[in-house]
Amino acid sequence: MKGIKKWLKRIFVSVIFLALAGWLVAAWMVRQSIAPPPPLPPDVSVLSLKPELRAGKTFLGKSWRGEREGLPVVCLKGSPLEIGFADGTLMQDKMHTLETEFMQMVQGYVPQHWVMELLKNYVMFRNRHLSEFVPVDYRTEIYGTTLGCSDVHPEEGNFYNRLLNYHAAHDVSYMMIDNPFVTRAGCTAFGAWGDATQNHHLITGRNFDWEAAEVFSRDRVVEMFEPDNGIPFISLAWAGMKGVVSGMNRAGVSVTINGAPSKLPDEIGTPVAIVAREVLQNAHNLDEALKIIRDAKVFVSTIWLVGSRADGKFIVVEKTPAVTNVRGAAGDSIICPNHFQTDGLKDDERNTNYMAEATSVSREQRLLELLKENHGALDVPHAADLLRDRKLPGGNFAGDGHRSSLNAFIATHAVVMDLSAGIFWAASSPHGLGKFVAFDVNDFDHALPELAVPADATLASGEFENARQARQFLQAGRRALKAHDAKAALEFAKKAEALNPGFYENDLLAGRALLALGQRDEAATAFGRALAAHPAFAQERQELEEWLREAKSAH
């Protein structure tokens, strides 16, 4: 007995020692992951400035915040510290809301606190060298933002380090592009010029699709950057963001970035949104833009649509951590989906799997059809119509919210840009359906209400609201099935079909409910209708075929 107690005591001490050692290692890893802020410049007088309300705008030094036709706008001018501090001070209410709702979204997917902490620390440790790949001017802007904005989540760690890492969140999501949640998103962009457009202007448009927290669709901000060193540019982004996903500069260069099949990187690099910022702040033409993109060390794969007024065209740049390829147009328009098409990348297994399983090819085919139909007549209102299109290839309508359509009611923002005229249009919420508001990159103060593109008809007709309610019924139906309440699930499926008829997910839910109720013939009919209504994803088609076989198996 004495030997057993001694043995148990040794085990207990060993467990305590290992736990303590693990805690110390974790604490060391977290400490190593905290990036120090850059040194402040000699002149920090901007830090003593207070906001002032003048002529309907809130000013801080040379920068200001206002509203244009319902959209929040901010104009940021000066040195990196001036830009950052003004951004944090003027936009802190939206920064607080954005971070809080973002955290709530993540917690919804990872409800266990210990798992959340583990993932957060893992990402922070992987990103521990991130500051080495972000130019010091942008790090100074980020630090200035934290000095101007109060930290409402100090429990989440160092504010500067946190905000720096948020600039890589876009890239982290790319690493999960094979994840079913992420593959349901799908950005689509196009560029047209010459004979393709009504006035031979260079016109580009894009949907930035991401099924994220509602705040990302609701609280987009039109940002005008006028740095002391560099080219002024306009961007549609979110409060506190120093990178770019959709933007145009005063020299007539535009950039939009789309996710591409990627993988967990071996090491960190520059966030793609920061690289896009580098392009807009420094490039006057395609050669300069390409050099910046080629030279950038990134850690995920991205597809870029880059346009240039000086060159009179758009190109697509397909970039991975190892390769940068350029794809030109065969005519006077070009499309940028989410899959690679250049030699050396198009036949990669990850890319071919993504093309077969997700919606990128369908969206590209539909956009090709629309560009052909509108050739020679394309102008900004037509460009907005393309981004709002809800049909499948061939012109078939299969219900609202179909992920194989260009507008699946999931876009967090949408933009149209006329590089020839220097005008940038940002769509009001929801999901690219609201009014497109015009901004002049050469005179940001000048309102252009006469150039606004009206809201889509689905808002006034109630069709969008019906589709939104139908989506909620489908979610409720899935929860009912999970709770083994097939009758309730069937009723939810019927309600969804009444509001959004012809959508395959309605019959998919109905079929599952009918199968659970033992009504095999009716279930088989529902599954057959769902298959005929063009399911968006290969996995859904395979599951439907399996359920259909199960429904027919009793005969």
Protein backbone atom coordinates (compact mmCIF):
# COMPACT_ATOMS: atom_id res chain seq x y z
CA MET A 1 0.00 0.00 0.00
CA LYS A 2 2.83 2.39 0.88
CA GLY A 3 4.40 1.71 -2.54
CA ILE A 4 1.12 2.45 -4.33
CA LYS A 5 0.71 5.77 -2.50
CA LYS A 6 4.28 6.70 -3.38
CA TRP A 7 3.62 5.80 -7.04
CA LEU A 8 0.36 7.82 -7.12
CA LYS A 9 2.14 10.76 -5.53
CA ARG A 10 4.82 10.65 -8.23
CA ILE A 11 2.12 10.58 -10.94
CA PHE A 12 0.32 13.53 -9.36
CA VAL A 13 3.54 15.55 -9.13
CA SER A 14 4.41 14.65 -12.73
CA VAL A 15 0.97 15.76 -13.97
CA ILE A 16 1.26 19.05 -12.08
CA PHE A 17 4.77 19.54 -13.47
CA LEU A 18 3.66 18.83 -17.04
CA ALA A 19 0.64 21.14 -16.71
CA LEU A 20 2.86 23.91 -15.32
CA ALA A 21 5.41 23.35 -18.07
CA GLY A 22 2.64 23.45 -20.68
CA TRP A 23 1.27 26.67 -19.22
CA LEU A 24 4.73 28.23 -19.23
CA VAL A 25 5.32 27.19 -22.85
CA ALA A 26 1.93 28.58 -23.86
CA ALA A 27 2.59 31.81 -21.99
CA TRP A 28 5.98 32.10 -23.69
CA MET A 29 4.40 31.47 -27.10
CA VAL A 30 1.76 34.14 -26.51
CA ARG A 31 4.38 36.62 -25.31
CA GLN A 32 6.53 35.88 -28.36
CA SER A 33 3.49 36.49 -30.55
CA ILE A 34 2.87 40.06 -29.37
CA ALA A 35 4.26 42.49 -31.93
CA PRO A 36 5.70 45.69 -30.48
CA PRO A 37 4.30 48.90 -31.98
CA PRO A 38 6.58 50.98 -34.21
CA PRO A 39 8.30 54.02 -32.72
CA LEU A 40 6.38 57.26 -32.88
CA PRO A 41 7.68 60.04 -35.15
CA PRO A 42 9.17 63.20 -33.60
CA ASP A 43 6.00 65.21 -34.26
CA VAL A 44 3.07 63.79 -32.29
CA SER A 45 1.05 67.00 -32.08
CA VAL A 46 -1.88 65.26 -33.81
CA LEU A 47 -2.44 63.25 -30.63
CA SER A 48 -3.61 66.40 -28.84
CA LEU A 49 -6.28 67.26 -31.43
CA LYS A 50 -9.98 66.95 -30.63
CA PRO A 51 -12.84 66.33 -33.08
CA GLU A 52 -14.71 69.40 -34.33
CA LEU A 53 -18.14 69.51 -35.99
CA ARG A 54 -18.21 71.81 -39.04
CA ALA A 55 -20.63 71.98 -41.98
CA GLY A 56 -22.17 68.60 -41.24
CA LYS A 57 -18.80 66.82 -40.98
CA THR A 58 -16.64 65.83 -38.03
CA PHE A 59 -13.06 67.00 -38.50
CA LEU A 60 -9.84 65.98 -36.82
CA GLY A 61 -7.02 68.06 -38.26
CA LYS A 62 -7.13 67.71 -42.05
CA SER A 63 -9.23 64.53 -41.94
CA TRP A 64 -12.99 64.30 -41.67
CA ARG A 65 -15.93 61.93 -41.35
CA GLY A 66 -19.35 62.42 -42.91
CA GLU A 67 -22.17 60.73 -44.79
CA ARG A 68 -23.03 60.64 -48.49
CA GLU A 69 -26.50 59.55 -49.54
CA GLY A 70 -26.76 57.25 -46.54
CA LEU A 71 -23.25 55.80 -46.77
CA PRO A 72 -20.61 56.55 -44.10
CA VAL A 73 -17.51 58.20 -45.58
CA VAL A 74 -14.14 59.18 -44.18
CA CYS A 75 -11.36 61.23 -45.75
CA LEU A 76 -7.93 60.61 -44.21
CA LYS A 77 -5.06 62.97 -44.95
CA GLY A 78 -1.47 63.48 -43.85
CA SER A 79 1.33 61.42 -42.35
CA PRO A 80 0.86 57.78 -41.27
CA LEU A 81 0.34 58.83 -37.65
CA GLU A 82 -2.12 61.57 -38.65
CA ILE A 83 -4.09 59.17 -40.85
CA GLY A 84 -4.15 56.42 -38.23
CA PHE A 85 -5.06 58.62 -35.26
CA ALA A 86 -7.80 60.39 -37.24
CA ASP A 87 -9.23 57.05 -38.37
CA GLY A 88 -9.32 55.68 -34.81
CA THR A 89 -10.81 58.84 -33.37
CA LEU A 90 -13.41 59.51 -36.04
CA MET A 91 -14.48 55.89 -36.63
CA GLN A 92 -14.20 54.38 -33.16
CA ASP A 93 -17.93 53.76 -32.74
CA LYS A 94 -17.98 51.61 -35.88
CA MET A 95 -14.70 49.94 -34.90
CA HIS A 96 -16.24 48.93 -31.56
CA THR A 97 -19.37 47.53 -33.21
CA LEU A 98 -17.36 45.71 -35.87
CA GLU A 99 -15.05 43.97 -33.43
CA THR A 100 -17.84 43.03 -31.03
CA GLU A 101 -20.05 41.50 -33.73
CA PHE A 102 -17.06 39.80 -35.36
CA MET A 103 -16.21 38.12 -32.05
CA GLN A 104 -19.83 37.07 -31.57
CA MET A 105 -19.78 35.52 -35.05
CA VAL A 106 -16.61 33.55 -34.33
CA GLN A 107 -17.95 32.43 -30.96
CA GLY A 108 -21.05 31.14 -32.75
CA TYR A 109 -18.83 28.79 -34.74
CA VAL A 110 -16.51 27.96 -31.84
CA PRO A 111 -18.67 28.18 -28.69
CA GLN A 112 -16.18 26.44 -26.37
CA HIS A 113 -14.05 29.10 -24.70
CA TRP A 114 -10.99 26.90 -24.33
CA VAL A 115 -11.11 25.94 -28.03
CA MET A 116 -11.44 29.61 -28.94
CA GLU A 117 -8.42 30.50 -26.82
CA LEU A 118 -6.42 27.65 -28.32
CA LEU A 119 -7.25 28.71 -31.89
CA LYS A 120 -6.58 32.37 -31.14
CA ASN A 121 -3.19 31.63 -29.60
CA TYR A 122 -2.33 29.29 -32.48
CA VAL A 123 -3.12 31.95 -35.09
CA MET A 124 -1.26 34.61 -33.11
CA PHE A 125 1.79 32.37 -32.79
CA ARG A 126 1.77 31.54 -36.51
CA ASN A 127 1.51 35.29 -37.21
CA ARG A 128 4.22 36.23 -34.72
CA HIS A 129 6.45 37.61 -37.51
CA LEU A 130 3.62 39.44 -39.26
CA SER A 131 4.98 42.91 -38.47
CA GLU A 132 8.14 42.09 -40.43
CA PHE A 133 6.02 41.90 -43.60
CA VAL A 134 3.92 45.03 -43.08
CA PRO A 135 5.64 48.30 -44.12
CA VAL A 136 6.38 50.60 -41.21
CA ASP A 137 4.10 53.37 -42.52
CA TYR A 138 1.09 51.08 -42.35
CA ARG A 139 2.11 49.77 -38.95
CA THR A 140 2.32 53.39 -37.79
CA GLU A 141 -1.19 53.98 -39.15
CA ILE A 142 -2.44 50.92 -37.25
CA TYR A 143 -0.70 52.05 -34.06
CA GLY A 144 -2.14 55.55 -34.50
CA THR A 145 -5.60 54.03 -34.83
CA THR A 146 -5.23 52.26 -31.48
CA LEU A 147 -4.15 55.57 -29.91
CA GLY A 148 -7.27 57.27 -31.25
CA CYS A 149 -9.75 54.48 -30.47
CA SER A 150 -10.51 53.16 -27.00
CA ASP A 151 -10.09 49.41 -26.51
CA VAL A 152 -13.42 47.84 -25.60
CA HIS A 153 -12.01 44.30 -25.56
CA PRO A 154 -8.81 44.43 -23.51
CA GLU A 155 -9.50 40.84 -22.43
CA GLU A 156 -8.62 39.79 -25.98
CA GLY A 157 -5.02 40.92 -25.64
CA ASN A 158 -2.83 43.77 -26.79
CA PHE A 159 -4.87 46.20 -28.93
CA TYR A 160 -2.15 47.05 -31.44
CA ASN A 161 -1.19 43.41 -31.94
CA ARG A 162 -4.86 42.49 -32.30
CA LEU A 163 -5.57 45.15 -34.92
CA LEU A 164 -2.41 44.21 -36.82
CA ASN A 165 -3.55 40.59 -36.94
CA TYR A 166 -7.04 41.57 -38.10
CA HIS A 167 -5.38 42.78 -41.30
CA ALA A 168 -4.46 39.15 -42.00
CA ALA A 169 -7.95 37.80 -41.26
CA HIS A 170 -8.79 37.93 -44.97
CA ASP A 171 -5.80 35.68 -45.70
CA VAL A 172 -6.65 33.25 -42.90
CA SER A 173 -10.10 32.78 -44.46
CA TYR A 174 -8.44 31.94 -47.82
CA MET A 175 -6.56 29.10 -46.14
CA MET A 176 -9.96 27.56 -45.38
CA ILE A 177 -11.33 27.88 -48.93
CA ASP A 178 -11.90 24.10 -49.05
CA ASN A 179 -14.01 24.40 -45.91
CA PRO A 180 -17.75 24.06 -46.76
CA PHE A 181 -18.54 27.32 -44.96
CA VAL A 182 -16.01 29.26 -47.00
CA THR A 183 -16.74 27.64 -50.37
CA ARG A 184 -20.28 28.99 -50.10
CA ALA A 185 -18.77 32.41 -50.62
CA GLY A 186 -17.55 33.43 -54.04
CA CYS A 187 -16.31 36.81 -55.23
CA THR A 188 -16.77 37.70 -58.89
CA ALA A 189 -15.21 40.63 -60.79
CA PHE A 190 -14.98 41.81 -64.38
CA GLY A 191 -13.32 44.50 -66.46
CA ALA A 192 -14.41 45.89 -69.86
CA TRP A 193 -13.04 48.54 -72.21
CA GLY A 194 -12.88 49.67 -75.83
CA ASP A 195 -15.71 48.42 -78.01
CA ALA A 196 -17.22 46.46 -75.10
CA THR A 197 -18.39 49.64 -73.35
CA GLN A 198 -20.86 52.26 -74.49
CA ASN A 199 -18.39 55.16 -74.40
CA HIS A 200 -15.13 53.15 -74.64
CA HIS A 201 -14.46 53.86 -70.97
CA LEU A 202 -12.66 51.37 -68.73
CA ILE A 203 -15.33 49.93 -66.44
CA THR A 204 -14.93 47.32 -63.73
CA GLY A 205 -17.31 45.84 -61.17
CA ARG A 206 -17.10 43.31 -58.38
CA ASN A 207 -19.13 41.54 -55.71
CA PHE A 208 -17.26 40.81 -52.49
CA ASP A 209 -19.10 37.72 -51.28
CA TRP A 210 -18.70 36.61 -47.69
CA GLU A 211 -21.37 35.09 -45.46
CA ALA A 212 -20.20 36.82 -42.33
CA ALA A 213 -21.78 38.81 -39.51
CA GLU A 214 -24.38 41.30 -40.71
CA VAL A 215 -22.15 44.18 -39.59
CA PHE A 216 -19.80 43.54 -42.52
CA SER A 217 -22.62 44.25 -44.97
CA ARG A 218 -24.27 46.98 -42.91
CA ASP A 219 -21.25 49.05 -41.85
CA ARG A 220 -19.03 49.35 -44.91
CA VAL A 221 -17.18 52.65 -45.13
CA VAL A 222 -16.10 54.56 -48.23
CA GLU A 223 -12.54 55.67 -47.46
CA MET A 224 -10.50 58.33 -49.24
CA PHE A 225 -6.79 58.20 -48.40
CA GLU A 226 -4.61 61.19 -49.23
CA PRO A 227 -1.18 60.27 -47.82
CA ASP A 228 1.69 62.74 -47.72
CA ASN A 229 3.77 60.26 -49.69
CA GLY A 230 1.96 58.45 -52.45
CA ILE A 231 -1.03 58.54 -54.77
CA PRO A 232 -4.47 59.37 -53.29
CA PHE A 233 -6.94 56.50 -53.60
CA ILE A 234 -10.49 55.50 -52.72
CA SER A 235 -11.55 52.21 -51.19
CA LEU A 236 -14.65 50.45 -49.88
CA ALA A 237 -13.65 48.78 -46.63
CA TRP A 238 -14.44 48.66 -42.91
CA ALA A 239 -13.61 50.98 -40.04
CA GLY A 240 -9.99 50.74 -38.94
CA MET A 241 -8.88 48.83 -42.04
CA LYS A 242 -5.68 50.07 -43.69
CA GLY A 243 -5.62 47.46 -46.43
CA VAL A 244 -7.69 47.35 -49.63
CA VAL A 245 -9.92 44.72 -51.25
CA SER A 246 -11.67 47.02 -53.77
CA GLY A 247 -10.20 50.37 -54.76
CA MET A 248 -9.03 52.87 -57.36
CA ASN A 249 -6.36 55.55 -57.27
CA ARG A 250 -6.11 59.02 -58.78
CA ALA A 251 -3.68 57.76 -61.45
CA GLY A 252 -6.43 55.51 -62.85
CA VAL A 253 -5.26 52.17 -61.45
CA SER A 254 -7.87 49.83 -59.93
CA VAL A 255 -7.45 46.69 -57.84
CA THR A 256 -9.89 44.04 -56.63
CA ILE A 257 -8.81 40.79 -54.98
CA ASN A 258 -10.57 37.40 -54.95
CA GLY A 259 -9.89 34.32 -52.89
CA ALA A 260 -8.40 31.27 -54.61
CA PRO A 261 -7.78 27.62 -53.63
CA SER A 262 -5.06 27.82 -51.02
CA LYS A 263 -3.54 25.78 -48.23
CA LEU A 264 -2.08 26.22 -44.77
CA PRO A 265 1.19 28.07 -45.37
CA ASP A 266 4.55 27.05 -44.04
CA GLU A 267 5.32 30.61 -43.00
CA ILE A 268 3.79 34.06 -42.78
CA GLY A 269 3.98 36.84 -45.36
CA THR A 270 2.33 40.12 -46.28
CA PRO A 271 -1.47 40.20 -46.08
CA VAL A 272 -2.91 40.57 -49.59
CA ALA A 273 -4.98 43.60 -48.57
CA ILE A 274 -1.75 45.37 -47.60
CA VAL A 275 -0.21 44.47 -50.98
CA ALA A 276 -3.30 45.91 -52.70
CA ARG A 277 -2.84 49.09 -50.65
CA GLU A 278 0.78 49.24 -51.85
CA VAL A 279 -0.44 49.02 -55.45
CA LEU A 280 -2.95 51.84 -55.13
CA GLN A 281 -0.63 54.13 -53.20
CA ASN A 282 2.34 53.65 -55.56
CA ALA A 283 1.37 52.36 -59.02
CA HIS A 284 0.66 54.59 -62.04
CA ASN A 285 0.28 51.75 -64.57
CA LEU A 286 0.18 47.98 -64.98
CA ASP A 287 3.96 47.53 -65.02
CA GLU A 288 4.33 49.27 -61.66
CA ALA A 289 1.37 47.38 -60.21
CA LEU A 290 2.73 44.03 -61.43
CA LYS A 291 6.16 44.69 -59.95
CA ILE A 292 4.62 45.36 -56.53
CA ILE A 293 2.51 42.20 -56.71
CA ARG A 294 5.36 40.02 -58.01
CA ASP A 295 7.79 41.25 -55.36
CA ALA A 296 5.34 40.72 -52.50
CA LYS A 297 5.90 37.67 -50.29
CA VAL A 298 2.38 36.45 -49.56
CA PHE A 299 1.24 33.41 -47.61
CA VAL A 300 -2.01 32.53 -49.38
CA SER A 301 -3.17 32.30 -52.99
CA THR A 302 -5.09 35.21 -54.49
CA ILE A 303 -6.51 36.26 -57.84
CA TRP A 304 -6.24 39.94 -58.71
CA LEU A 305 -8.12 42.01 -61.27
CA VAL A 306 -5.96 45.05 -62.05
CA GLY A 307 -6.91 47.86 -64.42
CA SER A 308 -5.01 50.87 -65.72
CA ARG A 309 -6.23 53.97 -67.51
CA ALA A 310 -2.71 54.57 -68.85
CA ASP A 311 -2.63 51.07 -70.41
CA GLY A 312 -6.28 51.07 -71.47
CA LYS A 313 -7.07 47.57 -70.24
CA PHE A 314 -7.46 45.12 -67.36
CA ILE A 315 -5.46 41.99 -66.55
CA VAL A 316 -5.85 39.12 -64.11
CA VAL A 317 -2.92 38.21 -61.86
CA GLU A 318 -2.92 34.73 -60.31
CA LYS A 319 -0.56 34.63 -57.35
CA THR A 320 0.45 31.92 -54.91
CA PRO A 321 3.25 32.03 -52.33
CA ALA A 322 5.50 30.48 -55.02
CA VAL A 323 4.23 31.71 -58.40
CA THR A 324 2.88 34.88 -60.02
CA ASN A 325 1.16 34.40 -63.39
CA VAL A 326 -0.59 36.95 -65.61
CA ARG A 327 -3.69 36.29 -67.71
CA GLY A 328 -4.64 38.76 -70.42
CA ALA A 329 -7.92 39.13 -72.28
CA ALA A 330 -8.74 37.51 -75.60
CA GLY A 331 -10.87 40.55 -76.48
CA ASP A 332 -12.05 43.68 -74.76
CA SER A 333 -13.31 42.23 -71.48
CA ILE A 334 -12.02 39.88 -68.81
CA ILE A 335 -13.52 37.97 -65.89
CA CYS A 336 -12.00 37.25 -62.49
CA PRO A 337 -13.68 34.34 -60.62
CA ASN A 338 -12.12 32.20 -57.85
CA HIS A 339 -10.27 29.51 -59.80
CA PHE A 340 -6.90 29.55 -61.55
CA GLN A 341 -6.72 29.47 -65.36
CA THR A 342 -3.02 29.95 -66.16
CA ASP A 343 -0.50 27.24 -67.04
CA GLY A 344 1.11 25.70 -64.00
CA LEU A 345 -1.83 26.53 -61.74
CA LYS A 346 -5.01 25.51 -63.57
CA ASP A 347 -4.21 21.77 -63.42
CA ASP A 348 -3.30 21.74 -59.73
CA GLU A 349 -5.44 19.14 -57.95
CA ARG A 350 -6.66 21.63 -55.35
CA ASN A 351 -7.82 23.96 -58.13
CA THR A 352 -9.52 21.27 -60.24
CA ASN A 353 -11.32 19.93 -57.18
CA TYR A 354 -12.50 23.42 -56.30
CA MET A 355 -13.77 23.99 -59.85
CA ALA A 356 -15.74 20.75 -59.74
CA GLU A 357 -17.14 21.17 -56.24
CA ALA A 358 -17.92 24.89 -55.84
CA THR A 359 -19.63 27.67 -57.83
CA SER A 360 -16.77 29.60 -59.46
CA VAL A 361 -17.21 28.08 -62.93
CA SER A 362 -20.98 28.66 -62.97
CA ARG A 363 -20.58 32.31 -62.01
CA GLU A 364 -17.91 32.79 -64.67
CA GLN A 365 -20.13 31.22 -67.35
CA ARG A 366 -23.08 33.44 -66.46
CA LEU A 367 -20.93 36.58 -66.49
CA LEU A 368 -19.52 35.61 -69.91
CA GLU A 369 -23.09 35.40 -71.20
CA LEU A 370 -24.02 38.80 -69.79
CA LEU A 371 -20.90 40.53 -71.11
CA LYS A 372 -21.62 39.11 -74.56
CA GLU A 373 -25.26 40.24 -74.41
CA ASN A 374 -24.24 43.75 -73.31
CA HIS A 375 -21.23 44.12 -75.62
CA GLY A 376 -21.07 47.66 -76.95
CA ALA A 377 -23.77 48.88 -74.56
CA LEU A 378 -22.07 48.35 -71.20
CA ASP A 379 -22.17 51.41 -68.96
CA VAL A 380 -22.26 51.85 -65.18
CA PRO A 381 -26.00 51.05 -64.72
CA HIS A 382 -25.53 47.92 -66.86
CA ALA A 383 -22.47 46.99 -64.78
CA ALA A 384 -24.58 47.24 -61.61
CA ASP A 385 -27.23 45.05 -63.26
CA LEU A 386 -24.58 42.41 -63.99
CA LEU A 387 -23.54 42.32 -60.34
CA ARG A 388 -27.20 42.00 -59.30
CA ASP A 389 -28.01 39.18 -61.74
CA ARG A 390 -29.69 36.19 -60.04
CA LYS A 391 -29.91 33.71 -62.90
CA LEU A 392 -27.84 30.63 -63.66
CA PRO A 393 -25.91 29.94 -66.87
CA GLY A 394 -28.35 29.79 -69.75
CA GLY A 395 -30.58 32.42 -68.15
CA ASN A 396 -32.44 29.98 -65.90
CA PHE A 397 -33.83 31.35 -62.63
CA ALA A 398 -33.72 28.76 -59.85
CA GLY A 399 -34.74 30.82 -56.84
CA ASP A 400 -33.18 33.68 -54.92
CA GLY A 401 -30.02 33.03 -52.94
CA HIS A 402 -28.67 30.39 -55.30
CA ARG A 403 -24.91 30.27 -54.77
CA SER A 404 -24.24 29.58 -58.45
CA SER A 405 -25.68 32.96 -59.39
CA LEU A 406 -23.70 36.20 -59.45
CA ASN A 407 -25.81 37.73 -56.69
CA ALA A 408 -26.74 35.14 -54.10
CA PHE A 409 -27.70 37.80 -51.54
CA ILE A 410 -24.43 37.26 -49.64
CA ALA A 411 -22.22 40.12 -50.89
CA THR A 412 -20.82 42.20 -48.06
CA HIS A 413 -20.07 44.90 -50.60
CA ALA A 414 -20.23 45.68 -54.30
CA VAL A 415 -18.48 48.36 -56.34
CA VAL A 416 -18.35 49.68 -59.90
CA MET A 417 -15.47 51.86 -61.11
CA ASP A 418 -15.06 53.98 -64.23
CA LEU A 419 -11.29 54.40 -64.53
CA SER A 420 -11.61 56.76 -67.49
CA ALA A 421 -13.82 59.22 -65.59
CA GLY A 422 -12.27 58.61 -62.16
CA ILE A 423 -15.64 57.79 -60.58
CA PHE A 424 -16.13 55.09 -57.92
CA TRP A 425 -19.59 53.68 -57.10
CA ALA A 426 -20.23 51.94 -53.77
CA ALA A 427 -23.43 49.95 -53.29
CA SER A 428 -25.64 50.60 -50.30
CA SER A 429 -26.79 47.58 -48.32
CA PRO A 430 -28.15 45.00 -48.54
CA HIS A 431 -25.85 42.81 -50.61
CA GLY A 432 -25.29 45.09 -53.61
CA LEU A 433 -29.02 45.68 -54.05
CA GLY A 434 -29.14 49.18 -52.56
CA LYS A 435 -28.39 52.40 -54.41
CA PHE A 436 -24.90 52.70 -55.91
CA VAL A 437 -23.52 56.04 -54.67
CA ALA A 438 -20.94 57.86 -56.83
CA PHE A 439 -17.65 59.37 -55.60
CA ASP A 440 -15.08 61.41 -57.53
CA VAL A 441 -11.54 60.22 -56.79
CA ASN A 442 -10.23 63.63 -57.92
CA ASP A 443 -12.65 65.66 -55.77
CA PHE A 444 -13.96 63.59 -52.89
CA ASP A 445 -15.82 66.56 -51.38
CA HIS A 446 -17.99 66.87 -54.48
CA ALA A 447 -21.30 65.01 -54.15
CA LEU A 448 -22.65 63.38 -57.33
CA PRO A 449 -26.29 62.43 -56.62
CA GLU A 450 -27.14 62.68 -60.32
CA LEU A 451 -24.78 59.76 -61.04
CA ALA A 452 -26.31 57.39 -58.48
CA VAL A 453 -27.63 54.04 -59.74
CA PRO A 454 -31.09 53.33 -58.26
CA ALA A 455 -31.69 50.44 -55.88
CA ASP A 456 -32.61 47.05 -57.33
CA ALA A 457 -36.32 46.34 -57.86
CA THR A 458 -36.23 43.33 -55.51
CA LEU A 459 -36.14 45.71 -52.53
CA ALA A 460 -39.28 47.69 -53.39
CA SER A 461 -41.15 44.58 -54.57
CA GLY A 462 -40.50 42.71 -51.32
CA GLU A 463 -38.77 39.86 -53.13
CA PHE A 464 -35.55 40.30 -51.18
CA GLU A 465 -37.39 40.31 -47.85
CA ASN A 466 -39.32 37.19 -48.88
CA ALA A 467 -36.06 35.43 -49.73
CA ARG A 468 -34.57 36.49 -46.41
CA GLN A 469 -37.54 35.08 -44.50
CA ALA A 470 -37.40 31.90 -46.58
CA ARG A 471 -33.76 31.46 -45.60
CA GLN A 472 -34.75 31.78 -41.94
CA PHE A 473 -37.45 29.13 -42.40
CA LEU A 474 -34.88 26.78 -43.95
CA GLN A 475 -32.56 27.30 -40.99
CA ALA A 476 -35.42 26.66 -38.59
CA GLY A 477 -36.35 23.53 -40.54
CA ARG A 478 -32.83 22.15 -40.27
CA ARG A 479 -32.89 22.74 -36.53
CA ALA A 480 -36.24 20.95 -36.33
CA LEU A 481 -34.83 17.95 -38.22
CA LYS A 482 -31.88 17.85 -35.85
CA ALA A 483 -34.36 17.80 -32.96
CA HIS A 484 -36.21 14.90 -34.66
CA ASP A 485 -39.30 17.01 -35.34
CA ALA A 486 -39.89 16.10 -38.98
CA LYS A 487 -43.45 17.48 -39.10
CA ALA A 488 -42.24 20.95 -38.10
CA ALA A 489 -39.38 20.70 -40.60
CA LEU A 490 -41.85 19.90 -43.39
CA GLU A 491 -43.98 22.92 -42.51
CA PHE A 492 -40.92 25.16 -42.58
CA ALA A 493 -40.00 23.77 -46.00
CA LYS A 494 -43.49 24.59 -47.31
CA LYS A 495 -43.27 28.14 -45.96
CA ALA A 496 -39.86 28.61 -47.57
CA GLU A 497 -41.21 27.37 -50.92
CA ALA A 498 -44.15 29.78 -50.75
CA LEU A 499 -41.80 32.73 -50.25
CA ASN A 500 -38.98 31.65 -52.62
CA PRO A 501 -40.46 29.17 -55.10
CA GLY A 502 -38.26 26.85 -57.12
CA PHE A 503 -35.22 27.01 -54.82
CA TYR A 504 -33.69 23.54 -54.52
CA GLU A 505 -32.99 23.81 -50.79
CA ASN A 506 -36.75 23.95 -50.13
CA ASP A 507 -37.28 20.51 -51.71
CA LEU A 508 -34.09 19.20 -50.14
CA LEU A 509 -35.46 20.01 -46.68
CA ALA A 510 -38.93 18.74 -47.57
CA GLY A 511 -37.53 15.47 -48.90
CA ARG A 512 -35.53 14.84 -45.74
CA ALA A 513 -38.57 15.57 -43.58
CA LEU A 514 -40.81 13.30 -45.67
CA LEU A 515 -38.23 10.53 -45.54
CA ALA A 516 -38.08 10.83 -41.75
CA LEU A 517 -41.90 10.58 -41.68
CA GLY A 518 -41.78 7.39 -43.74
CA GLN A 519 -43.41 8.96 -46.80
CA ARG A 520 -40.89 7.56 -49.26
CA ASP A 521 -42.71 8.23 -52.54
CA GLU A 522 -43.29 11.86 -51.66
CA ALA A 523 -39.68 12.15 -50.46
CA ALA A 524 -38.37 10.71 -53.74
CA THR A 525 -40.45 13.24 -55.69
CA ALA A 526 -39.07 16.12 -53.59
CA PHE A 527 -35.49 14.91 -53.99
CA GLY A 528 -36.01 14.60 -57.75
CA ARG A 529 -37.28 18.18 -57.96
CA ALA A 530 -34.30 19.39 -55.92
CA LEU A 531 -31.85 17.65 -58.25
CA ALA A 532 -33.58 19.14 -61.28
CA ALA A 533 -33.30 22.64 -59.75
CA HIS A 534 -29.48 22.69 -60.12
CA PRO A 535 -27.94 22.26 -56.64
CA ALA A 536 -25.01 24.64 -56.27
CA PHE A 537 -22.40 22.31 -54.78
CA ALA A 538 -21.17 18.88 -55.78
CA GLN A 539 -21.50 17.63 -52.21
CA GLU A 540 -25.18 18.62 -52.17
CA ARG A 541 -25.79 16.79 -55.46
CA GLN A 542 -24.12 13.65 -54.12
CA GLU A 543 -26.14 13.77 -50.89
CA LEU A 544 -29.38 14.29 -52.82
CA GLU A 545 -28.63 11.29 -55.02
CA GLU A 546 -27.98 9.17 -51.92
CA TRP A 547 -31.25 10.29 -50.28
CA LEU A 548 -33.12 9.64 -53.53
CA ARG A 549 -31.73 6.08 -53.63
CA GLU A 550 -32.72 5.62 -49.99
CA ALA A 551 -36.24 6.90 -50.68
CA LYS A 552 -36.62 4.46 -53.57
CA SER A 553 -35.00 1.53 -51.79
CA ALA A 554 -38.26 0.17 -50.38
CA HIS A 555 -39.70 -0.44 -53.85
